[in-house]
Amino acid sequence: MNNAIKIALASVLALGSVSGGAFAQTAAVTAEQNVSVIRIDSLNNDAGRSEYDRLTQMSSNQAGMAEAQAMVSADPMLVAALESQNVQLTNVVHVQTAANGGKVVYVR
């Protein structure tokens, strides 16, 4: 009976460490999925024209871009998500918070 308890306890501990790793991987995927990157030039069409014009003006405002880039730099998870999508911080023009709490990052 003593051996049965030891085997059951070892099984529980082994499964606990496996599920912990799966949770960490899921959290990382969720963080990346919670960041949308939109290139400004993709909005240069009839449907996105006003947003394209607004963001193009923002991209010429160095102070506004510096503020957006500082906001990104202050959030390590956001920096990691952008790096995973090959986005350079110097190309960030604007950052919005989506309704679901995720971030929408506009880049030039």
PDB file of N, CA and C in Angstrom:
ATOM      1  N   MET A   1       0.828  -1.190   0.000  1.00  0.00           N
ATOM      2  CA  MET A   1       0.000   0.000   0.000  1.00  0.00           C
ATOM      3  C   MET A   1       0.867   1.245   0.000  1.00  0.00           C
ATOM      4  N   ASN A   2       1.963   1.216   0.701  1.00  0.00           N
ATOM      5  CA  ASN A   2       2.874   2.350   0.775  1.00  0.00           C
ATOM      6  C   ASN A   2       3.434   2.674  -0.607  1.00  0.00           C
ATOM      7  N   ASN A   3       3.779   1.650  -1.402  1.00  0.00           N
ATOM      8  CA  ASN A   3       4.300   1.864  -2.755  1.00  0.00           C
ATOM      9  C   ASN A   3       3.233   2.474  -3.666  1.00  0.00           C
ATOM     10  N   ALA A   4       1.994   2.087  -3.498  1.00  0.00           N
ATOM     11  CA  ALA A   4       0.911   2.621  -4.325  1.00  0.00           C
ATOM     12  C   ALA A   4       0.746   4.119  -4.088  1.00  0.00           C
ATOM     13  N   ILE A   5       0.884   4.543  -2.850  1.00  0.00           N
ATOM     14  CA  ILE A   5       0.774   5.972  -2.530  1.00  0.00           C
ATOM     15  C   ILE A   5       1.941   6.736  -3.155  1.00  0.00           C
ATOM     16  N   LYS A   6       3.135   6.173  -3.073  1.00  0.00           N
ATOM     17  CA  LYS A   6       4.305   6.826  -3.656  1.00  0.00           C
ATOM     18  C   LYS A   6       4.154   6.964  -5.175  1.00  0.00           C
ATOM     19  N   ILE A   7       3.654   5.944  -5.829  1.00  0.00           N
ATOM     20  CA  ILE A   7       3.467   5.984  -7.285  1.00  0.00           C
ATOM     21  C   ILE A   7       2.401   7.026  -7.652  1.00  0.00           C
ATOM     22  N   ALA A   8       1.320   7.064  -6.906  1.00  0.00           N
ATOM     23  CA  ALA A   8       0.256   8.035  -7.175  1.00  0.00           C
ATOM     24  C   ALA A   8       0.767   9.455  -6.975  1.00  0.00           C
ATOM     25  N   LEU A   9       1.526   9.691  -5.924  1.00  0.00           N
ATOM     26  CA  LEU A   9       2.084  11.003  -5.638  1.00  0.00           C
ATOM     27  C   LEU A   9       3.069  11.416  -6.733  1.00  0.00           C
ATOM     28  N   ALA A  10       3.906  10.509  -7.176  1.00  0.00           N
ATOM     29  CA  ALA A  10       4.860  10.800  -8.247  1.00  0.00           C
ATOM     30  C   ALA A  10       4.127  11.141  -9.543  1.00  0.00           C
ATOM     31  N   SER A  11       3.040  10.454  -9.826  1.00  0.00           N
ATOM     32  CA  SER A  11       2.249  10.731 -11.027  1.00  0.00           C
ATOM     33  C   SER A  11       1.641  12.126 -10.983  1.00  0.00           C
ATOM     34  N   VAL A  12       1.118  12.499  -9.833  1.00  0.00           N
ATOM     35  CA  VAL A  12       0.512  13.827  -9.681  1.00  0.00           C
ATOM     36  C   VAL A  12       1.565  14.905  -9.863  1.00  0.00           C
ATOM     37  N   LEU A  13       2.730  14.723  -9.270  1.00  0.00           N
ATOM     38  CA  LEU A  13       3.802  15.714  -9.403  1.00  0.00           C
ATOM     39  C   LEU A  13       4.299  15.806 -10.843  1.00  0.00           C
ATOM     40  N   ALA A  14       4.416  14.699 -11.517  1.00  0.00           N
ATOM     41  CA  ALA A  14       4.873  14.696 -12.910  1.00  0.00           C
ATOM     42  C   ALA A  14       3.869  15.407 -13.809  1.00  0.00           C
ATOM     43  N   LEU A  15       2.590  15.144 -13.624  1.00  0.00           N
ATOM     44  CA  LEU A  15       1.559  15.798 -14.428  1.00  0.00           C
ATOM     45  C   LEU A  15       1.477  17.284 -14.127  1.00  0.00           C
ATOM     46  N   GLY A  16       1.729  17.664 -12.884  1.00  0.00           N
ATOM     47  CA  GLY A  16       1.700  19.078 -12.512  1.00  0.00           C
ATOM     48  C   GLY A  16       2.775  19.864 -13.222  1.00  0.00           C
ATOM     49  N   SER A  17       3.973  19.297 -13.360  1.00  0.00           N
ATOM     50  CA  SER A  17       5.042  20.027 -14.033  1.00  0.00           C
ATOM     51  C   SER A  17       4.801  20.113 -15.537  1.00  0.00           C
ATOM     52  N   VAL A  18       4.176  19.102 -16.131  1.00  0.00           N
ATOM     53  CA  VAL A  18       3.874  19.134 -17.559  1.00  0.00           C
ATOM     54  C   VAL A  18       2.809  20.177 -17.848  1.00  0.00           C
ATOM     55  N   SER A  19       1.764  20.211 -17.061  1.00  0.00           N
ATOM     56  CA  SER A  19       0.695  21.176 -17.318  1.00  0.00           C
ATOM     57  C   SER A  19       1.167  22.596 -17.051  1.00  0.00           C
ATOM     58  N   GLY A  20       2.097  22.806 -16.134  1.00  0.00           N
ATOM     59  CA  GLY A  20       2.649  24.136 -15.882  1.00  0.00           C
ATOM     60  C   GLY A  20       3.379  24.656 -17.101  1.00  0.00           C
ATOM     61  N   GLY A  21       4.126  23.811 -17.780  1.00  0.00           N
ATOM     62  CA  GLY A  21       4.822  24.209 -19.001  1.00  0.00           C
ATOM     63  C   GLY A  21       3.846  24.542 -20.108  1.00  0.00           C
ATOM     64  N   ALA A  22       2.772  23.793 -20.199  1.00  0.00           N
ATOM     65  CA  ALA A  22       1.765  24.066 -21.218  1.00  0.00           C
ATOM     66  C   ALA A  22       1.087  25.396 -20.941  1.00  0.00           C
ATOM     67  N   PHE A  23       0.864  25.715 -19.684  1.00  0.00           N
ATOM     68  CA  PHE A  23       0.247  26.984 -19.335  1.00  0.00           C
ATOM     69  C   PHE A  23       1.144  28.150 -19.736  1.00  0.00           C
ATOM     70  N   ALA A  24       2.438  28.042 -19.479  1.00  0.00           N
ATOM     71  CA  ALA A  24       3.369  29.112 -19.837  1.00  0.00           C
ATOM     72  C   ALA A  24       3.394  29.312 -21.351  1.00  0.00           C
ATOM     73  N   GLN A  25       3.366  28.239 -22.098  1.00  0.00           N
ATOM     74  CA  GLN A  25       3.374  28.342 -23.551  1.00  0.00           C
ATOM     75  C   GLN A  25       2.079  28.996 -24.033  1.00  0.00           C
ATOM     76  N   THR A  26       0.960  28.643 -23.451  1.00  0.00           N
ATOM     77  CA  THR A  26      -0.319  29.228 -23.824  1.00  0.00           C
ATOM     78  C   THR A  26      -0.334  30.719 -23.523  1.00  0.00           C
ATOM     79  N   ALA A  27       0.219  31.127 -22.396  1.00  0.00           N
ATOM     80  CA  ALA A  27       0.256  32.545 -22.040  1.00  0.00           C
ATOM     81  C   ALA A  27       1.075  33.327 -23.052  1.00  0.00           C
ATOM     82  N   ALA A  28       2.182  32.780 -23.516  1.00  0.00           N
ATOM     83  CA  ALA A  28       3.018  33.466 -24.494  1.00  0.00           C
ATOM     84  C   ALA A  28       2.291  33.612 -25.823  1.00  0.00           C
ATOM     85  N   VAL A  29       1.607  32.593 -26.249  1.00  0.00           N
ATOM     86  CA  VAL A  29       0.860  32.653 -27.501  1.00  0.00           C
ATOM     87  C   VAL A  29      -0.253  33.681 -27.383  1.00  0.00           C
ATOM     88  N   THR A  30      -0.936  33.707 -26.251  1.00  0.00           N
ATOM     89  CA  THR A  30      -2.019  34.667 -26.052  1.00  0.00           C
ATOM     90  C   THR A  30      -1.498  36.089 -26.097  1.00  0.00           C
ATOM     91  N   ALA A  31      -0.333  36.356 -25.504  1.00  0.00           N
ATOM     92  CA  ALA A  31       0.229  37.700 -25.520  1.00  0.00           C
ATOM     93  C   ALA A  31       0.517  38.137 -26.948  1.00  0.00           C
ATOM     94  N   GLU A  32       1.055  37.249 -27.781  1.00  0.00           N
ATOM     95  CA  GLU A  32       1.346  37.596 -29.165  1.00  0.00           C
ATOM     96  C   GLU A  32       0.064  37.782 -29.955  1.00  0.00           C
ATOM     97  N   GLN A  33      -0.951  36.978 -29.680  1.00  0.00           N
ATOM     98  CA  GLN A  33      -2.207  37.102 -30.402  1.00  0.00           C
ATOM     99  C   GLN A  33      -2.958  38.361 -29.991  1.00  0.00           C
ATOM    100  N   ASN A  34      -2.639  38.915 -28.845  1.00  0.00           N
ATOM    101  CA  ASN A  34      -3.312  40.086 -28.330  1.00  0.00           C
ATOM    102  C   ASN A  34      -2.696  41.378 -28.863  1.00  0.00           C
ATOM    103  N   VAL A  35      -1.765  41.279 -29.803  1.00  0.00           N
ATOM    104  CA  VAL A  35      -1.130  42.441 -30.416  1.00  0.00           C
ATOM    105  C   VAL A  35      -1.335  42.366 -31.924  1.00  0.00           C
ATOM    106  N   SER A  36      -1.981  43.391 -32.458  1.00  0.00           N
ATOM    107  CA  SER A  36      -2.183  43.479 -33.903  1.00  0.00           C
ATOM    108  C   SER A  36      -1.271  44.572 -34.444  1.00  0.00           C
ATOM    109  N   VAL A  37      -0.556  44.258 -35.508  1.00  0.00           N
ATOM    110  CA  VAL A  37       0.310  45.225 -36.162  1.00  0.00           C
ATOM    111  C   VAL A  37      -0.316  45.585 -37.498  1.00  0.00           C
ATOM    112  N   ILE A  38      -0.513  46.882 -37.711  1.00  0.00           N
ATOM    113  CA  ILE A  38      -1.113  47.358 -38.955  1.00  0.00           C
ATOM    114  C   ILE A  38      -0.159  48.335 -39.618  1.00  0.00           C
ATOM    115  N   ARG A  39       0.224  48.031 -40.844  1.00  0.00           N
ATOM    116  CA  ARG A  39       1.056  48.943 -41.633  1.00  0.00           C
ATOM    117  C   ARG A  39       0.179  50.059 -42.165  1.00  0.00           C
ATOM    118  N   ILE A  40       0.647  51.283 -41.998  1.00  0.00           N
ATOM    119  CA  ILE A  40      -0.135  52.442 -42.425  1.00  0.00           C
ATOM    120  C   ILE A  40      -0.465  52.366 -43.915  1.00  0.00           C
ATOM    121  N   ASP A  41       0.494  51.955 -44.722  1.00  0.00           N
ATOM    122  CA  ASP A  41       0.243  51.924 -46.168  1.00  0.00           C
ATOM    123  C   ASP A  41      -0.842  50.923 -46.564  1.00  0.00           C
ATOM    124  N   SER A  42      -1.167  49.967 -45.685  1.00  0.00           N
ATOM    125  CA  SER A  42      -2.255  49.028 -45.992  1.00  0.00           C
ATOM    126  C   SER A  42      -3.618  49.706 -45.899  1.00  0.00           C
ATOM    127  N   LEU A  43      -3.667  50.891 -45.297  1.00  0.00           N
ATOM    128  CA  LEU A  43      -4.922  51.626 -45.158  1.00  0.00           C
ATOM    129  C   LEU A  43      -5.146  52.611 -46.304  1.00  0.00           C
ATOM    130  N   ASN A  44      -4.218  52.639 -47.250  1.00  0.00           N
ATOM    131  CA  ASN A  44      -4.293  53.578 -48.371  1.00  0.00           C
ATOM    132  C   ASN A  44      -5.253  53.042 -49.434  1.00  0.00           C
ATOM    133  N   ASN A  45      -6.539  53.032 -49.069  1.00  0.00           N
ATOM    134  CA  ASN A  45      -7.604  52.587 -49.979  1.00  0.00           C
ATOM    135  C   ASN A  45      -8.874  53.353 -49.643  1.00  0.00           C
ATOM    136  N   ASP A  46      -9.927  53.133 -50.376  1.00  0.00           N
ATOM    137  CA  ASP A  46     -11.166  53.891 -50.165  1.00  0.00           C
ATOM    138  C   ASP A  46     -11.734  53.702 -48.755  1.00  0.00           C
ATOM    139  N   ALA A  47     -11.705  52.498 -48.240  1.00  0.00           N
ATOM    140  CA  ALA A  47     -12.296  52.217 -46.934  1.00  0.00           C
ATOM    141  C   ALA A  47     -11.489  52.806 -45.781  1.00  0.00           C
ATOM    142  N   GLY A  48     -10.167  52.855 -45.910  1.00  0.00           N
ATOM    143  CA  GLY A  48      -9.322  53.318 -44.810  1.00  0.00           C
ATOM    144  C   GLY A  48      -8.692  54.677 -45.030  1.00  0.00           C
ATOM    145  N   ARG A  49      -9.176  55.421 -46.014  1.00  0.00           N
ATOM    146  CA  ARG A  49      -8.521  56.679 -46.394  1.00  0.00           C
ATOM    147  C   ARG A  49      -8.386  57.669 -45.242  1.00  0.00           C
ATOM    148  N   SER A  50      -9.436  57.885 -44.462  1.00  0.00           N
ATOM    149  CA  SER A  50      -9.356  58.872 -43.379  1.00  0.00           C
ATOM    150  C   SER A  50      -8.361  58.430 -42.307  1.00  0.00           C
ATOM    151  N   GLU A  51      -8.350  57.164 -41.991  1.00  0.00           N
ATOM    152  CA  GLU A  51      -7.386  56.640 -41.005  1.00  0.00           C
ATOM    153  C   GLU A  51      -5.972  56.730 -41.564  1.00  0.00           C
ATOM    154  N   TYR A  52      -5.807  56.451 -42.843  1.00  0.00           N
ATOM    155  CA  TYR A  52      -4.500  56.569 -43.502  1.00  0.00           C
ATOM    156  C   TYR A  52      -3.988  58.010 -43.416  1.00  0.00           C
ATOM    157  N   ASP A  53      -4.849  58.960 -43.725  1.00  0.00           N
ATOM    158  CA  ASP A  53      -4.450  60.371 -43.668  1.00  0.00           C
ATOM    159  C   ASP A  53      -4.064  60.781 -42.248  1.00  0.00           C
ATOM    160  N   ARG A  54      -4.860  60.364 -41.268  1.00  0.00           N
ATOM    161  CA  ARG A  54      -4.590  60.712 -39.859  1.00  0.00           C
ATOM    162  C   ARG A  54      -3.257  60.132 -39.402  1.00  0.00           C
ATOM    163  N   LEU A  55      -3.004  58.875 -39.710  1.00  0.00           N
ATOM    164  CA  LEU A  55      -1.773  58.225 -39.270  1.00  0.00           C
ATOM    165  C   LEU A  55      -0.553  58.737 -40.036  1.00  0.00           C
ATOM    166  N   THR A  56      -0.737  59.109 -41.290  1.00  0.00           N
ATOM    167  CA  THR A  56       0.368  59.678 -42.058  1.00  0.00           C
ATOM    168  C   THR A  56       0.795  61.001 -41.435  1.00  0.00           C
ATOM    169  N   GLN A  57      -0.176  61.812 -41.011  1.00  0.00           N
ATOM    170  CA  GLN A  57       0.147  63.063 -40.327  1.00  0.00           C
ATOM    171  C   GLN A  57       0.860  62.782 -39.004  1.00  0.00           C
ATOM    172  N   MET A  58       0.410  61.768 -38.294  1.00  0.00           N
ATOM    173  CA  MET A  58       1.044  61.406 -37.025  1.00  0.00           C
ATOM    174  C   MET A  58       2.489  60.966 -37.243  1.00  0.00           C
ATOM    175  N   SER A  59       2.755  60.294 -38.355  1.00  0.00           N
ATOM    176  CA  SER A  59       4.113  59.803 -38.606  1.00  0.00           C
ATOM    177  C   SER A  59       5.099  60.935 -38.873  1.00  0.00           C
ATOM    178  N   SER A  60       4.601  62.118 -39.203  1.00  0.00           N
ATOM    179  CA  SER A  60       5.501  63.251 -39.401  1.00  0.00           C
ATOM    180  C   SER A  60       5.675  64.063 -38.122  1.00  0.00           C
ATOM    181  N   ASN A  61       4.969  63.713 -37.068  1.00  0.00           N
ATOM    182  CA  ASN A  61       5.072  64.384 -35.773  1.00  0.00           C
ATOM    183  C   ASN A  61       6.031  63.585 -34.879  1.00  0.00           C
ATOM    184  N   GLN A  62       7.261  64.033 -34.779  1.00  0.00           N
ATOM    185  CA  GLN A  62       8.289  63.299 -34.033  1.00  0.00           C
ATOM    186  C   GLN A  62       7.944  63.141 -32.551  1.00  0.00           C
ATOM    187  N   ALA A  63       7.333  64.162 -31.959  1.00  0.00           N
ATOM    188  CA  ALA A  63       6.976  64.074 -30.538  1.00  0.00           C
ATOM    189  C   ALA A  63       5.913  63.003 -30.305  1.00  0.00           C
ATOM    190  N   GLY A  64       4.934  62.936 -31.192  1.00  0.00           N
ATOM    191  CA  GLY A  64       3.883  61.929 -31.065  1.00  0.00           C
ATOM    192  C   GLY A  64       4.420  60.521 -31.237  1.00  0.00           C
ATOM    193  N   MET A  65       5.330  60.363 -32.211  1.00  0.00           N
ATOM    194  CA  MET A  65       5.929  59.042 -32.419  1.00  0.00           C
ATOM    195  C   MET A  65       6.791  58.648 -31.225  1.00  0.00           C
ATOM    196  N   ALA A  66       7.523  59.613 -30.674  1.00  0.00           N
ATOM    197  CA  ALA A  66       8.361  59.316 -29.506  1.00  0.00           C
ATOM    198  C   ALA A  66       7.505  58.869 -28.332  1.00  0.00           C
ATOM    199  N   GLU A  67       6.344  59.473 -28.181  1.00  0.00           N
ATOM    200  CA  GLU A  67       5.428  59.077 -27.102  1.00  0.00           C
ATOM    201  C   GLU A  67       4.927  57.649 -27.307  1.00  0.00           C
ATOM    202  N   ALA A  68       4.546  57.319 -28.541  1.00  0.00           N
ATOM    203  CA  ALA A  68       4.071  55.966 -28.847  1.00  0.00           C
ATOM    204  C   ALA A  68       5.187  54.946 -28.636  1.00  0.00           C
ATOM    205  N   GLN A  69       6.399  55.282 -29.050  1.00  0.00           N
ATOM    206  CA  GLN A  69       7.530  54.365 -28.900  1.00  0.00           C
ATOM    207  C   GLN A  69       7.906  54.187 -27.435  1.00  0.00           C
ATOM    208  N   ALA A  70       7.757  55.244 -26.629  1.00  0.00           N
ATOM    209  CA  ALA A  70       8.023  55.131 -25.191  1.00  0.00           C
ATOM    210  C   ALA A  70       6.987  54.231 -24.525  1.00  0.00           C
ATOM    211  N   MET A  71       5.751  54.324 -24.992  1.00  0.00           N
ATOM    212  CA  MET A  71       4.688  53.472 -24.453  1.00  0.00           C
ATOM    213  C   MET A  71       4.983  52.002 -24.737  1.00  0.00           C
ATOM    214  N   VAL A  72       5.473  51.717 -25.932  1.00  0.00           N
ATOM    215  CA  VAL A  72       5.833  50.341 -26.291  1.00  0.00           C
ATOM    216  C   VAL A  72       7.015  49.880 -25.449  1.00  0.00           C
ATOM    217  N   SER A  73       8.030  50.710 -25.321  1.00  0.00           N
ATOM    218  CA  SER A  73       9.246  50.352 -24.578  1.00  0.00           C
ATOM    219  C   SER A  73       8.952  50.032 -23.120  1.00  0.00           C
ATOM    220  N   ALA A  74       7.927  50.651 -22.565  1.00  0.00           N
ATOM    221  CA  ALA A  74       7.592  50.445 -21.155  1.00  0.00           C
ATOM    222  C   ALA A  74       6.894  49.114 -20.900  1.00  0.00           C
ATOM    223  N   ASP A  75       6.497  48.410 -21.943  1.00  0.00           N
ATOM    224  CA  ASP A  75       5.761  47.152 -21.802  1.00  0.00           C
ATOM    225  C   ASP A  75       6.575  46.006 -22.414  1.00  0.00           C
ATOM    226  N   PRO A  76       7.317  45.257 -21.595  1.00  0.00           N
ATOM    227  CA  PRO A  76       8.172  44.183 -22.119  1.00  0.00           C
ATOM    228  C   PRO A  76       7.428  43.132 -22.937  1.00  0.00           C
ATOM    229  N   MET A  77       6.198  42.819 -22.570  1.00  0.00           N
ATOM    230  CA  MET A  77       5.438  41.833 -23.337  1.00  0.00           C
ATOM    231  C   MET A  77       5.095  42.380 -24.723  1.00  0.00           C
ATOM    232  N   LEU A  78       4.801  43.673 -24.801  1.00  0.00           N
ATOM    233  CA  LEU A  78       4.500  44.295 -26.084  1.00  0.00           C
ATOM    234  C   LEU A  78       5.750  44.339 -26.957  1.00  0.00           C
ATOM    235  N   VAL A  79       6.889  44.652 -26.347  1.00  0.00           N
ATOM    236  CA  VAL A  79       8.160  44.655 -27.088  1.00  0.00           C
ATOM    237  C   VAL A  79       8.439  43.268 -27.647  1.00  0.00           C
ATOM    238  N   ALA A  80       8.253  42.235 -26.835  1.00  0.00           N
ATOM    239  CA  ALA A  80       8.507  40.864 -27.277  1.00  0.00           C
ATOM    240  C   ALA A  80       7.559  40.467 -28.409  1.00  0.00           C
ATOM    241  N   ALA A  81       6.289  40.854 -28.295  1.00  0.00           N
ATOM    242  CA  ALA A  81       5.321  40.524 -29.345  1.00  0.00           C
ATOM    243  C   ALA A  81       5.686  41.214 -30.651  1.00  0.00           C
ATOM    244  N   LEU A  82       6.132  42.461 -30.579  1.00  0.00           N
ATOM    245  CA  LEU A  82       6.528  43.176 -31.795  1.00  0.00           C
ATOM    246  C   LEU A  82       7.798  42.579 -32.395  1.00  0.00           C
ATOM    247  N   GLU A  83       8.754  42.220 -31.547  1.00  0.00           N
ATOM    248  CA  GLU A  83       9.985  41.598 -32.044  1.00  0.00           C
ATOM    249  C   GLU A  83       9.680  40.278 -32.737  1.00  0.00           C
ATOM    250  N   SER A  84       8.723  39.525 -32.215  1.00  0.00           N
ATOM    251  CA  SER A  84       8.370  38.238 -32.834  1.00  0.00           C
ATOM    252  C   SER A  84       7.742  38.440 -34.208  1.00  0.00           C
ATOM    253  N   GLN A  85       7.222  39.646 -34.455  1.00  0.00           N
ATOM    254  CA  GLN A  85       6.633  39.960 -35.757  1.00  0.00           C
ATOM    255  C   GLN A  85       7.574  40.829 -36.602  1.00  0.00           C
ATOM    256  N   ASN A  86       8.834  40.903 -36.172  1.00  0.00           N
ATOM    257  CA  ASN A  86       9.878  41.656 -36.886  1.00  0.00           C
ATOM    258  C   ASN A  86       9.555  43.134 -37.056  1.00  0.00           C
ATOM    259  N   VAL A  87       8.958  43.735 -36.040  1.00  0.00           N
ATOM    260  CA  VAL A  87       8.649  45.160 -36.062  1.00  0.00           C
ATOM    261  C   VAL A  87       9.723  45.896 -35.276  1.00  0.00           C
ATOM    262  N   GLN A  88      10.341  46.892 -35.909  1.00  0.00           N
ATOM    263  CA  GLN A  88      11.343  47.714 -35.239  1.00  0.00           C
ATOM    264  C   GLN A  88      10.644  48.848 -34.506  1.00  0.00           C
ATOM    265  N   LEU A  89      11.110  49.126 -33.309  1.00  0.00           N
ATOM    266  CA  LEU A  89      10.505  50.149 -32.463  1.00  0.00           C
ATOM    267  C   LEU A  89      10.479  51.519 -33.153  1.00  0.00           C
ATOM    268  N   THR A  90      11.491  51.821 -33.953  1.00  0.00           N
ATOM    269  CA  THR A  90      11.557  53.132 -34.616  1.00  0.00           C
ATOM    270  C   THR A  90      10.474  53.313 -35.676  1.00  0.00           C
ATOM    271  N   ASN A  91       9.789  52.255 -36.054  1.00  0.00           N
ATOM    272  CA  ASN A  91       8.715  52.343 -37.048  1.00  0.00           C
ATOM    273  C   ASN A  91       7.326  52.492 -36.427  1.00  0.00           C
ATOM    274  N   VAL A  92       7.242  52.449 -35.100  1.00  0.00           N
ATOM    275  CA  VAL A  92       5.947  52.575 -34.422  1.00  0.00           C
ATOM    276  C   VAL A  92       5.477  54.026 -34.507  1.00  0.00           C
ATOM    277  N   VAL A  93       4.253  54.203 -35.013  1.00  0.00           N
ATOM    278  CA  VAL A  93       3.671  55.535 -35.169  1.00  0.00           C
ATOM    279  C   VAL A  93       2.628  55.812 -34.086  1.00  0.00           C
ATOM    280  N   HIS A  94       1.803  54.799 -33.792  1.00  0.00           N
ATOM    281  CA  HIS A  94       0.693  55.006 -32.864  1.00  0.00           C
ATOM    282  C   HIS A  94       0.316  53.668 -32.235  1.00  0.00           C
ATOM    283  N   VAL A  95      -0.159  53.708 -30.991  1.00  0.00           N
ATOM    284  CA  VAL A  95      -0.616  52.509 -30.295  1.00  0.00           C
ATOM    285  C   VAL A  95      -1.999  52.784 -29.723  1.00  0.00           C
ATOM    286  N   GLN A  96      -2.915  51.866 -29.960  1.00  0.00           N
ATOM    287  CA  GLN A  96      -4.258  51.957 -29.398  1.00  0.00           C
ATOM    288  C   GLN A  96      -4.527  50.717 -28.566  1.00  0.00           C
ATOM    289  N   THR A  97      -5.390  50.872 -27.571  1.00  0.00           N
ATOM    290  CA  THR A  97      -5.848  49.725 -26.804  1.00  0.00           C
ATOM    291  C   THR A  97      -7.192  49.290 -27.373  1.00  0.00           C
ATOM    292  N   ALA A  98      -7.273  48.031 -27.755  1.00  0.00           N
ATOM    293  CA  ALA A  98      -8.497  47.480 -28.344  1.00  0.00           C
ATOM    294  C   ALA A  98      -9.539  47.229 -27.261  1.00  0.00           C
ATOM    295  N   ALA A  99     -10.747  46.967 -27.680  1.00  0.00           N
ATOM    296  CA  ALA A  99     -11.851  46.718 -26.751  1.00  0.00           C
ATOM    297  C   ALA A  99     -11.582  45.498 -25.872  1.00  0.00           C
ATOM    298  N   ASN A 100     -10.835  44.518 -26.393  1.00  0.00           N
ATOM    299  CA  ASN A 100     -10.549  43.303 -25.617  1.00  0.00           C
ATOM    300  C   ASN A 100      -9.309  43.456 -24.735  1.00  0.00           C
ATOM    301  N   GLY A 101      -8.739  44.663 -24.683  1.00  0.00           N
ATOM    302  CA  GLY A 101      -7.554  44.910 -23.868  1.00  0.00           C
ATOM    303  C   GLY A 101      -6.251  44.709 -24.604  1.00  0.00           C
ATOM    304  N   GLY A 102      -6.316  44.176 -25.817  1.00  0.00           N
ATOM    305  CA  GLY A 102      -5.121  43.994 -26.626  1.00  0.00           C
ATOM    306  C   GLY A 102      -4.632  45.327 -27.176  1.00  0.00           C
ATOM    307  N   LYS A 103      -3.521  45.278 -27.856  1.00  0.00           N
ATOM    308  CA  LYS A 103      -2.926  46.484 -28.423  1.00  0.00           C
ATOM    309  C   LYS A 103      -2.977  46.416 -29.947  1.00  0.00           C
ATOM    310  N   VAL A 104      -3.255  47.567 -30.551  1.00  0.00           N
ATOM    311  CA  VAL A 104      -3.177  47.725 -32.000  1.00  0.00           C
ATOM    312  C   VAL A 104      -2.040  48.700 -32.233  1.00  0.00           C
ATOM    313  N   VAL A 105      -1.002  48.226 -32.940  1.00  0.00           N
ATOM    314  CA  VAL A 105       0.191  49.029 -33.173  1.00  0.00           C
ATOM    315  C   VAL A 105       0.247  49.377 -34.655  1.00  0.00           C
ATOM    316  N   TYR A 106       0.285  50.670 -34.933  1.00  0.00           N
ATOM    317  CA  TYR A 106       0.378  51.161 -36.305  1.00  0.00           C
ATOM    318  C   TYR A 106       1.828  51.474 -36.606  1.00  0.00           C
ATOM    319  N   VAL A 107       2.341  50.958 -37.710  1.00  0.00           N
ATOM    320  CA  VAL A 107       3.743  51.158 -38.090  1.00  0.00           C
ATOM    321  C   VAL A 107       3.842  51.711 -39.497  1.00  0.00           C
ATOM    322  N   ARG A 108       4.942  52.410 -39.739  1.00  0.00           N
ATOM    323  CA  ARG A 108       5.181  52.913 -41.111  1.00  0.00           C
ATOM    324  C   ARG A 108       6.044  51.962 -41.871  1.00  0.00           C
TER     325      ARG A 108
END
